[in-house]
């Protein structure tokens, strides 16, 4: 009968039997989907990208770190204990100072120990050591060196400050006695901002130039393509 399949089983040696349905074939019949499958098949491209991104744990972690970095550079002046170019000439090439909580076996609170040095007359280098007998309390949400927030607003409040009469070099100092931790924070602002601005400029130029090439086509498209190839070939 037309539109129907005959039911029969085929069994050969070493093969499983095959059964053919004898029900009428209707191409308009749809198979009901489960809610999960229906949500998958009706999702937009943006939703599919978001679901795939959420399953990639490393990508999620990287995005969280990147977003946190961009948020922190907004308050670089507040986070840095020293200014960008503040020099501590008595502590050139000083090692990092750690923050401790216990002193002499007892809870003392966040503190650091002062650095002392002796000049090696043979190499003319400073040999630093820690004076563990004089704990100095680290200050938080304190008044420190004045700054201009984003070059606009005057301020002097810092998240963390050196002890009164002491120093706090969390990452040591450079050859000019400048605090490396503070300079890393300020440098992160410059590096991340340049990267973001570079992407935005490239995006705008790419959309504009690509749109012109696609709209006019012909010799305009050829000229733009050749110029881009020349620029990309420059090392």
Protein backbone atom coordinates (compact mmCIF):
# COMPACT_ATOMS: atom_id res chain seq x y z
CA UNK A 1 0.00 0.00 0.00
CA UNK A 2 1.33 3.45 -0.93
CA UNK A 3 2.52 5.56 2.00
CA UNK A 4 2.94 2.55 4.26
CA UNK A 5 5.84 0.32 5.18
CA UNK A 6 5.48 -3.44 5.34
CA UNK A 7 6.48 -5.02 8.64
CA UNK A 8 9.03 -7.75 8.32
CA UNK A 9 12.09 -8.95 10.17
CA UNK A 10 15.38 -9.82 8.59
CA UNK A 11 17.59 -12.25 10.44
CA UNK A 12 20.85 -13.45 8.97
CA UNK A 13 23.69 -15.33 10.48
CA UNK A 14 25.70 -13.09 12.81
CA UNK A 15 23.34 -10.10 12.48
CA UNK A 16 20.55 -8.74 14.65
CA UNK A 17 17.02 -8.79 13.21
CA UNK A 18 15.77 -5.50 11.71
CA UNK A 19 12.15 -4.46 12.01
CA UNK A 20 10.52 -1.95 9.64
CA UNK A 21 7.48 -0.02 10.87
CA UNK A 22 4.27 -0.38 8.86
CA UNK A 23 2.82 2.94 10.13
CA UNK A 24 1.98 5.59 7.53
CA UNK A 25 4.73 8.12 6.99
CA UNK A 26 3.73 11.70 7.77
CA UNK A 27 6.46 14.31 7.18
CA UNK A 28 4.51 16.94 9.14
CA UNK A 29 4.57 14.98 12.38
CA UNK A 30 6.87 16.55 14.97
CA UNK A 31 8.47 14.71 17.83
CA UNK A 32 7.71 16.40 21.20
CA UNK A 33 10.83 17.78 22.86
CA UNK A 34 11.69 17.83 26.52
CA UNK A 35 11.86 21.26 28.21
CA UNK A 36 15.65 21.10 28.25
CA UNK A 37 15.89 20.30 24.52
CA UNK A 38 13.29 22.92 23.66
CA UNK A 39 15.26 25.53 25.59
CA UNK A 40 18.40 24.49 23.72
CA UNK A 41 16.89 24.58 20.22
CA UNK A 42 15.15 27.92 20.78
CA UNK A 43 18.18 29.65 22.32
CA UNK A 44 19.80 32.58 20.53
CA UNK A 45 23.43 32.69 19.49
CA UNK A 46 24.26 34.98 22.42
CA UNK A 47 22.70 32.55 24.89
CA UNK A 48 24.64 29.64 23.39
CA UNK A 49 27.90 31.59 23.74
CA UNK A 50 27.07 32.48 27.36
CA UNK A 51 26.27 28.86 28.27
CA UNK A 52 29.48 27.62 26.70
CA UNK A 53 31.46 30.34 28.48
CA UNK A 54 29.97 29.46 31.89
CA UNK A 55 30.98 25.82 31.47
CA UNK A 56 34.61 26.86 30.92
CA UNK A 57 35.79 27.34 34.52
CA UNK A 58 39.19 28.70 33.56
CA UNK A 59 37.61 31.30 31.30
CA UNK A 60 35.21 32.37 34.06
CA UNK A 61 38.09 32.71 36.54
CA UNK A 62 40.15 34.70 34.04
CA UNK A 63 37.22 37.02 33.34
CA UNK A 64 36.69 37.59 37.07
CA UNK A 65 40.37 38.48 37.56
CA UNK A 66 40.31 40.82 34.56
CA UNK A 67 37.16 42.59 35.74
CA UNK A 68 38.58 42.93 39.26
CA UNK A 69 41.80 44.38 37.81
CA UNK A 70 39.88 47.00 35.83
CA UNK A 71 37.86 47.93 38.91
CA UNK A 72 40.97 48.25 41.08
CA UNK A 73 42.79 50.57 38.70
CA UNK A 74 39.98 53.07 39.18
CA UNK A 75 41.23 53.64 42.73
CA UNK A 76 44.99 53.17 42.22
CA UNK A 77 45.83 56.26 44.30
CA UNK A 78 43.83 54.89 47.21
CA UNK A 79 45.44 51.43 47.03
CA UNK A 80 49.07 52.54 46.67
CA UNK A 81 50.80 53.30 50.00
CA UNK A 82 53.31 55.59 48.26
CA UNK A 83 53.22 57.95 45.33
CA UNK A 84 54.35 56.94 41.87
CA UNK A 85 57.67 58.82 42.08
CA UNK A 86 58.16 58.98 45.85
CA UNK A 87 61.80 58.19 46.65
CA UNK A 88 63.15 56.63 49.83
CA UNK A 89 66.84 57.30 49.36
CA UNK A 90 67.78 55.52 52.59
CA UNK A 91 66.31 52.26 51.26
CA UNK A 92 67.72 51.64 47.80
CA UNK A 93 67.18 48.12 46.46
CA UNK A 94 65.45 47.18 49.71
CA UNK A 95 63.94 43.67 49.93
CA UNK A 96 60.18 43.12 50.33
CA UNK A 97 58.75 43.64 53.80
CA UNK A 98 56.13 41.13 54.82
CA UNK A 99 53.16 41.78 57.10
CA UNK A 100 53.01 39.63 60.23
CA UNK A 101 50.24 39.07 62.76
CA UNK A 102 52.12 37.43 65.64
CA UNK A 103 55.07 38.75 67.62
CA UNK A 104 56.93 36.75 70.27
CA UNK A 105 54.30 34.01 70.09
CA UNK A 106 51.36 36.33 70.75
CA UNK A 107 48.78 37.97 68.52
CA UNK A 108 49.98 41.48 67.86
CA UNK A 109 47.95 42.55 64.84
CA UNK A 110 49.17 43.44 61.34
CA UNK A 111 52.67 44.79 61.68
CA UNK A 112 56.03 44.85 59.99
CA UNK A 113 59.62 45.03 61.19
CA UNK A 114 62.03 47.83 60.35
CA UNK A 115 64.85 47.29 57.89
CA UNK A 116 68.43 47.98 58.88
CA UNK A 117 71.44 47.78 56.62
CA UNK A 118 75.19 47.83 56.63
CA UNK A 119 77.28 48.96 53.69
CA UNK A 120 79.54 46.29 52.27
CA UNK A 121 82.74 48.21 51.62
CA UNK A 122 84.00 45.54 49.22
CA UNK A 123 81.00 45.71 46.86
CA UNK A 124 79.49 49.03 48.02
CA UNK A 125 76.13 47.29 48.31
CA UNK A 126 73.71 47.51 51.19
CA UNK A 127 73.13 44.33 53.17
CA UNK A 128 69.65 44.55 54.68
CA UNK A 129 68.42 42.70 57.73
CA UNK A 130 65.24 42.77 59.80
CA UNK A 131 65.10 44.09 63.35
CA UNK A 132 62.61 41.58 64.80
CA UNK A 133 62.64 43.27 68.21
CA UNK A 134 60.68 46.36 67.10
CA UNK A 135 57.28 45.52 65.61
CA UNK A 136 55.59 48.47 63.92
CA UNK A 137 51.83 48.46 63.42
CA UNK A 138 50.59 48.92 59.88
CA UNK A 139 47.86 51.53 59.42
CA UNK A 140 44.68 51.08 57.39
CA UNK A 141 42.31 53.68 55.95
CA UNK A 142 44.80 56.29 56.97
CA UNK A 143 46.08 59.69 55.92
CA UNK A 144 49.27 59.46 53.91
CA UNK A 145 50.92 61.16 51.00
CA UNK A 146 48.63 63.62 49.19
CA UNK A 147 47.62 62.82 45.63
CA UNK A 148 45.32 63.96 42.85
CA UNK A 149 42.67 61.34 42.19
CA UNK A 150 42.79 60.80 38.41
CA UNK A 151 44.57 64.15 38.28
CA UNK A 152 41.36 65.95 39.25
CA UNK A 153 40.48 65.64 42.94
CA UNK A 154 42.84 66.24 45.81
CA UNK A 155 43.06 63.46 48.39
CA UNK A 156 45.34 61.83 50.96
CA UNK A 157 43.41 58.76 52.19
CA UNK A 158 45.05 55.39 51.55
CA UNK A 159 43.91 51.82 52.12
CA UNK A 160 47.21 50.94 53.78
CA UNK A 161 50.00 53.18 55.07
CA UNK A 162 53.49 52.63 56.48
CA UNK A 163 53.84 52.61 60.27
CA UNK A 164 54.52 55.92 61.94
CA UNK A 165 58.22 56.52 61.46
CA UNK A 166 58.60 53.22 59.54
CA UNK A 167 58.44 51.85 56.04
CA UNK A 168 56.22 49.44 54.14
CA UNK A 169 57.78 48.03 50.99
CA UNK A 170 55.56 45.08 50.12
CA UNK A 171 57.51 44.38 46.92
CA UNK A 172 60.80 46.07 47.79
CA UNK A 173 62.27 49.18 46.18
CA UNK A 174 64.13 49.94 42.97
CA UNK A 175 67.52 51.57 42.42
CA UNK A 176 66.04 55.00 43.23
CA UNK A 177 64.30 53.89 46.40
CA UNK A 178 60.80 53.92 44.90
CA UNK A 179 58.23 51.47 46.23
CA UNK A 180 57.73 48.72 43.65
CA UNK A 181 54.27 47.72 44.88
CA UNK A 182 52.93 51.26 44.38
CA UNK A 183 54.54 51.51 40.97
CA UNK A 184 53.03 48.17 39.90
CA UNK A 185 49.56 49.47 40.81
CA UNK A 186 50.06 52.67 38.85
CA UNK A 187 51.62 50.75 35.98
CA UNK A 188 48.64 48.38 35.85
CA UNK A 189 46.39 51.37 35.28
CA UNK A 190 48.46 52.49 32.30
CA UNK A 191 48.82 49.01 30.78
CA UNK A 192 45.17 48.01 31.12
CA UNK A 193 43.91 51.38 29.91
CA UNK A 194 46.13 51.29 26.83
CA UNK A 195 44.95 47.77 26.03
CA UNK A 196 41.28 48.75 26.35
CA UNK A 197 41.70 51.92 24.27
CA UNK A 198 43.67 49.98 21.63
CA UNK A 199 40.86 47.45 21.27
CA UNK A 200 38.23 50.19 20.97
CA UNK A 201 40.23 52.09 18.35
CA UNK A 202 40.88 48.90 16.37
CA UNK A 203 37.19 48.00 16.55
CA UNK A 204 36.04 51.40 15.28
CA UNK A 205 38.64 51.51 12.49
CA UNK A 206 37.93 47.93 11.46
CA UNK A 207 34.16 48.52 11.25
CA UNK A 208 34.61 51.80 9.36
CA UNK A 209 37.26 50.70 6.86
CA UNK A 210 35.70 47.28 6.35
CA UNK A 211 32.29 48.88 5.78
CA UNK A 212 33.73 51.24 3.15
CA UNK A 213 35.48 48.38 1.37
CA UNK A 214 32.36 46.22 1.38
CA UNK A 215 30.02 49.03 0.32
CA UNK A 216 32.01 50.37 -2.63
CA UNK A 217 33.86 47.21 -3.63
CA UNK A 218 35.88 47.20 -6.84
CA UNK A 219 39.12 49.17 -6.86
CA UNK A 220 38.31 50.70 -3.46
CA UNK A 221 38.17 47.26 -1.88
CA UNK A 222 41.39 46.22 -3.67
CA UNK A 223 43.28 49.32 -2.53
CA UNK A 224 42.16 48.90 1.10
CA UNK A 225 43.08 45.21 1.10
CA UNK A 226 46.54 45.88 -0.34
CA UNK A 227 47.22 48.66 2.20
CA UNK A 228 46.19 46.36 5.06
CA UNK A 229 48.45 43.60 3.75
CA UNK A 230 51.38 46.04 3.55
CA UNK A 231 50.79 47.23 7.12
CA UNK A 232 50.51 43.65 8.44
CA UNK A 233 53.76 42.67 6.70
CA UNK A 234 55.73 45.29 8.65
CA UNK A 235 57.48 43.52 11.55
